[in-house]
Every structure is written in C-alpha cells, then in structure tokens.
Amino acid sequence: MLEMTREQLAELGLELATKRQEHSDLDAAIHALITTRAADTMMLQRLKKKKLAIKDRITQLEDILLPDIIA
C-alpha cells in the first residue's frame, strides 16, 4: 500500500464527511417523497441508485482511511 501524505488523508476525510452528509440528505429526501407520495417510481429509482453509489464510495473511502490490520 502506498503511503499517503497528511494532506491527502485530510482530503479523503473531507470527501468521506461530505459523502456521508449527501447519503443522509438523500435518505431524508427519499423518505419524504415516499411519505408524501410526491414522486413517481422512476424518480425514486434514480435517487435510490444515486444513494447506493454514494454508499459504495463511502465504503471505499473507509477502507482507505481505516484499513483492517491483521495482528
């Protein structure tokens, strides 16, 4: 694994925080649209797909920043 500078780690940490917030915001938006029945099926599918892509990126960032260390 390549060594990362503090600046690179800080950038990834900031991206992780941003993605977590985006994921939370999308979750709230999806929930609101479902409860108010204001969205069509296609719109909900797009939002859920975007939410899943963000979750995948969160997982990637967590793996980089918090690697599993086998002792």
N, C-alpha and C. Protein backbone atom coordinates (compact mmCIF):
# COMPACT_ATOMS: atom_id res chain seq x y z
N MET A 1 0.84 -1.18 0.00
CA MET A 1 0.00 0.00 0.00
C MET A 1 0.88 1.24 0.00
N LEU A 2 0.49 2.24 -0.76
CA LEU A 2 1.27 3.46 -0.86
C LEU A 2 1.04 4.34 0.36
N GLU A 3 2.11 5.04 0.75
CA GLU A 3 1.99 5.99 1.85
C GLU A 3 1.26 7.23 1.36
N MET A 4 0.44 7.78 2.21
CA MET A 4 -0.31 8.97 1.85
C MET A 4 0.15 10.13 2.73
N THR A 5 0.17 11.32 2.15
CA THR A 5 0.53 12.50 2.92
C THR A 5 -0.64 12.90 3.81
N ARG A 6 -0.33 13.74 4.77
CA ARG A 6 -1.39 14.24 5.66
C ARG A 6 -2.44 15.00 4.86
N GLU A 7 -1.98 15.72 3.84
CA GLU A 7 -2.91 16.48 3.00
C GLU A 7 -3.86 15.55 2.26
N GLN A 8 -3.33 14.47 1.71
CA GLN A 8 -4.17 13.51 1.00
C GLN A 8 -5.17 12.85 1.95
N LEU A 9 -4.71 12.50 3.15
CA LEU A 9 -5.60 11.91 4.14
C LEU A 9 -6.70 12.89 4.54
N ALA A 10 -6.32 14.17 4.68
CA ALA A 10 -7.31 15.19 5.05
C ALA A 10 -8.35 15.35 3.93
N GLU A 11 -7.90 15.34 2.68
CA GLU A 11 -8.82 15.45 1.55
C GLU A 11 -9.79 14.28 1.51
N LEU A 12 -9.28 13.08 1.74
CA LEU A 12 -10.15 11.91 1.75
C LEU A 12 -11.12 11.96 2.93
N GLY A 13 -10.64 12.43 4.07
CA GLY A 13 -11.52 12.58 5.23
C GLY A 13 -12.64 13.57 4.97
N LEU A 14 -12.31 14.66 4.30
CA LEU A 14 -13.32 15.66 3.95
C LEU A 14 -14.32 15.08 2.95
N GLU A 15 -13.82 14.33 1.97
CA GLU A 15 -14.72 13.70 1.00
C GLU A 15 -15.65 12.70 1.70
N LEU A 16 -15.09 11.95 2.65
CA LEU A 16 -15.89 10.98 3.39
C LEU A 16 -17.02 11.68 4.15
N ALA A 17 -16.70 12.76 4.82
CA ALA A 17 -17.73 13.51 5.57
C ALA A 17 -18.79 14.06 4.63
N THR A 18 -18.35 14.56 3.49
CA THR A 18 -19.29 15.10 2.51
C THR A 18 -20.21 14.01 1.97
N LYS A 19 -19.64 12.86 1.64
CA LYS A 19 -20.45 11.75 1.10
C LYS A 19 -21.43 11.24 2.15
N ARG A 20 -21.01 11.19 3.40
CA ARG A 20 -21.93 10.76 4.46
C ARG A 20 -23.11 11.72 4.57
N GLN A 21 -22.84 13.02 4.45
CA GLN A 21 -23.92 14.01 4.51
C GLN A 21 -24.84 13.88 3.30
N GLU A 22 -24.26 13.70 2.11
CA GLU A 22 -25.06 13.51 0.90
C GLU A 22 -25.97 12.29 1.04
N HIS A 23 -25.41 11.20 1.59
CA HIS A 23 -26.17 9.96 1.77
C HIS A 23 -27.34 10.20 2.72
N SER A 24 -27.06 10.90 3.80
CA SER A 24 -28.11 11.21 4.77
C SER A 24 -29.20 12.10 4.16
N ASP A 25 -28.77 13.10 3.40
CA ASP A 25 -29.73 14.00 2.75
C ASP A 25 -30.61 13.26 1.75
N LEU A 26 -30.00 12.37 0.97
CA LEU A 26 -30.77 11.59 0.00
C LEU A 26 -31.76 10.67 0.71
N ASP A 27 -31.32 10.08 1.80
CA ASP A 27 -32.20 9.20 2.57
C ASP A 27 -33.43 9.97 3.06
N ALA A 28 -33.20 11.18 3.57
CA ALA A 28 -34.31 12.00 4.04
C ALA A 28 -35.22 12.41 2.88
N ALA A 29 -34.64 12.75 1.74
CA ALA A 29 -35.44 13.15 0.59
C ALA A 29 -36.29 11.99 0.08
N ILE A 30 -35.70 10.82 0.00
CA ILE A 30 -36.43 9.63 -0.44
C ILE A 30 -37.59 9.34 0.51
N HIS A 31 -37.29 9.40 1.80
CA HIS A 31 -38.34 9.15 2.80
C HIS A 31 -39.48 10.16 2.67
N ALA A 32 -39.12 11.43 2.48
CA ALA A 32 -40.14 12.47 2.36
C ALA A 32 -40.99 12.26 1.10
N LEU A 33 -40.36 11.90 0.01
CA LEU A 33 -41.10 11.68 -1.23
C LEU A 33 -42.03 10.48 -1.11
N ILE A 34 -41.58 9.45 -0.42
CA ILE A 34 -42.42 8.26 -0.25
C ILE A 34 -43.63 8.57 0.63
N THR A 35 -43.39 9.28 1.74
CA THR A 35 -44.48 9.55 2.67
C THR A 35 -45.50 10.54 2.11
N THR A 36 -45.04 11.48 1.26
CA THR A 36 -45.98 12.44 0.68
C THR A 36 -46.53 11.97 -0.66
N ARG A 37 -46.00 10.86 -1.16
CA ARG A 37 -46.40 10.29 -2.45
C ARG A 37 -46.24 11.32 -3.58
N ALA A 38 -45.16 12.12 -3.46
CA ALA A 38 -44.93 13.20 -4.43
C ALA A 38 -44.02 12.78 -5.58
N ALA A 39 -43.49 11.57 -5.54
CA ALA A 39 -42.54 11.16 -6.57
C ALA A 39 -43.08 9.97 -7.35
N ASP A 40 -42.67 9.92 -8.60
CA ASP A 40 -43.01 8.74 -9.39
C ASP A 40 -41.95 7.66 -9.17
N THR A 41 -42.24 6.48 -9.65
CA THR A 41 -41.36 5.34 -9.44
C THR A 41 -39.97 5.56 -10.04
N MET A 42 -39.93 6.15 -11.23
CA MET A 42 -38.65 6.37 -11.90
C MET A 42 -37.77 7.33 -11.10
N MET A 43 -38.37 8.37 -10.55
CA MET A 43 -37.61 9.33 -9.76
C MET A 43 -37.03 8.67 -8.51
N LEU A 44 -37.85 7.87 -7.85
CA LEU A 44 -37.38 7.17 -6.66
C LEU A 44 -36.25 6.20 -7.00
N GLN A 45 -36.37 5.50 -8.11
CA GLN A 45 -35.32 4.57 -8.52
C GLN A 45 -34.00 5.31 -8.76
N ARG A 46 -34.07 6.47 -9.41
CA ARG A 46 -32.85 7.25 -9.67
C ARG A 46 -32.21 7.70 -8.37
N LEU A 47 -33.03 8.19 -7.44
CA LEU A 47 -32.50 8.65 -6.16
C LEU A 47 -31.88 7.50 -5.36
N LYS A 48 -32.54 6.35 -5.39
CA LYS A 48 -32.01 5.19 -4.66
C LYS A 48 -30.72 4.69 -5.29
N LYS A 49 -30.62 4.75 -6.62
CA LYS A 49 -29.40 4.34 -7.31
C LYS A 49 -28.25 5.29 -6.96
N LYS A 50 -28.54 6.57 -6.92
CA LYS A 50 -27.53 7.56 -6.55
C LYS A 50 -27.09 7.35 -5.10
N LYS A 51 -28.04 7.06 -4.23
CA LYS A 51 -27.74 6.81 -2.82
C LYS A 51 -26.83 5.58 -2.68
N LEU A 52 -27.09 4.55 -3.47
CA LEU A 52 -26.27 3.35 -3.43
C LEU A 52 -24.85 3.63 -3.93
N ALA A 53 -24.73 4.44 -4.98
CA ALA A 53 -23.39 4.79 -5.49
C ALA A 53 -22.61 5.58 -4.44
N ILE A 54 -23.29 6.46 -3.73
CA ILE A 54 -22.63 7.22 -2.67
C ILE A 54 -22.20 6.28 -1.55
N LYS A 55 -23.04 5.33 -1.20
CA LYS A 55 -22.70 4.36 -0.16
C LYS A 55 -21.47 3.54 -0.57
N ASP A 56 -21.40 3.16 -1.84
CA ASP A 56 -20.23 2.42 -2.33
C ASP A 56 -18.96 3.26 -2.17
N ARG A 57 -19.05 4.56 -2.50
CA ARG A 57 -17.88 5.44 -2.36
C ARG A 57 -17.51 5.60 -0.89
N ILE A 58 -18.49 5.69 -0.01
CA ILE A 58 -18.23 5.78 1.43
C ILE A 58 -17.45 4.55 1.88
N THR A 59 -17.86 3.39 1.42
CA THR A 59 -17.18 2.14 1.78
C THR A 59 -15.74 2.15 1.29
N GLN A 60 -15.52 2.62 0.06
CA GLN A 60 -14.16 2.71 -0.48
C GLN A 60 -13.30 3.64 0.36
N LEU A 61 -13.84 4.79 0.70
CA LEU A 61 -13.08 5.76 1.49
C LEU A 61 -12.76 5.22 2.88
N GLU A 62 -13.73 4.55 3.49
CA GLU A 62 -13.50 3.96 4.81
C GLU A 62 -12.42 2.89 4.75
N ASP A 63 -12.40 2.11 3.67
CA ASP A 63 -11.37 1.07 3.51
C ASP A 63 -9.98 1.69 3.38
N ILE A 64 -9.90 2.84 2.72
CA ILE A 64 -8.62 3.52 2.55
C ILE A 64 -8.17 4.15 3.87
N LEU A 65 -9.09 4.82 4.53
CA LEU A 65 -8.75 5.57 5.75
C LEU A 65 -8.65 4.69 6.99
N LEU A 66 -9.40 3.62 7.01
CA LEU A 66 -9.43 2.75 8.19
C LEU A 66 -9.15 1.31 7.79
N PRO A 67 -7.92 1.03 7.33
CA PRO A 67 -7.63 -0.31 6.85
C PRO A 67 -7.69 -1.35 7.98
N ASP A 68 -8.09 -2.56 7.61
CA ASP A 68 -8.10 -3.67 8.56
C ASP A 68 -6.67 -4.11 8.77
N ILE A 69 -6.26 -4.10 10.02
CA ILE A 69 -4.90 -4.54 10.34
C ILE A 69 -5.01 -5.90 11.02
N ILE A 70 -4.38 -6.89 10.38
CA ILE A 70 -4.38 -8.23 10.94
C ILE A 70 -3.18 -8.35 11.86
N ALA A 71 -3.44 -8.59 13.12
CA ALA A 71 -2.34 -8.66 14.09
C ALA A 71 -1.77 -10.04 14.19
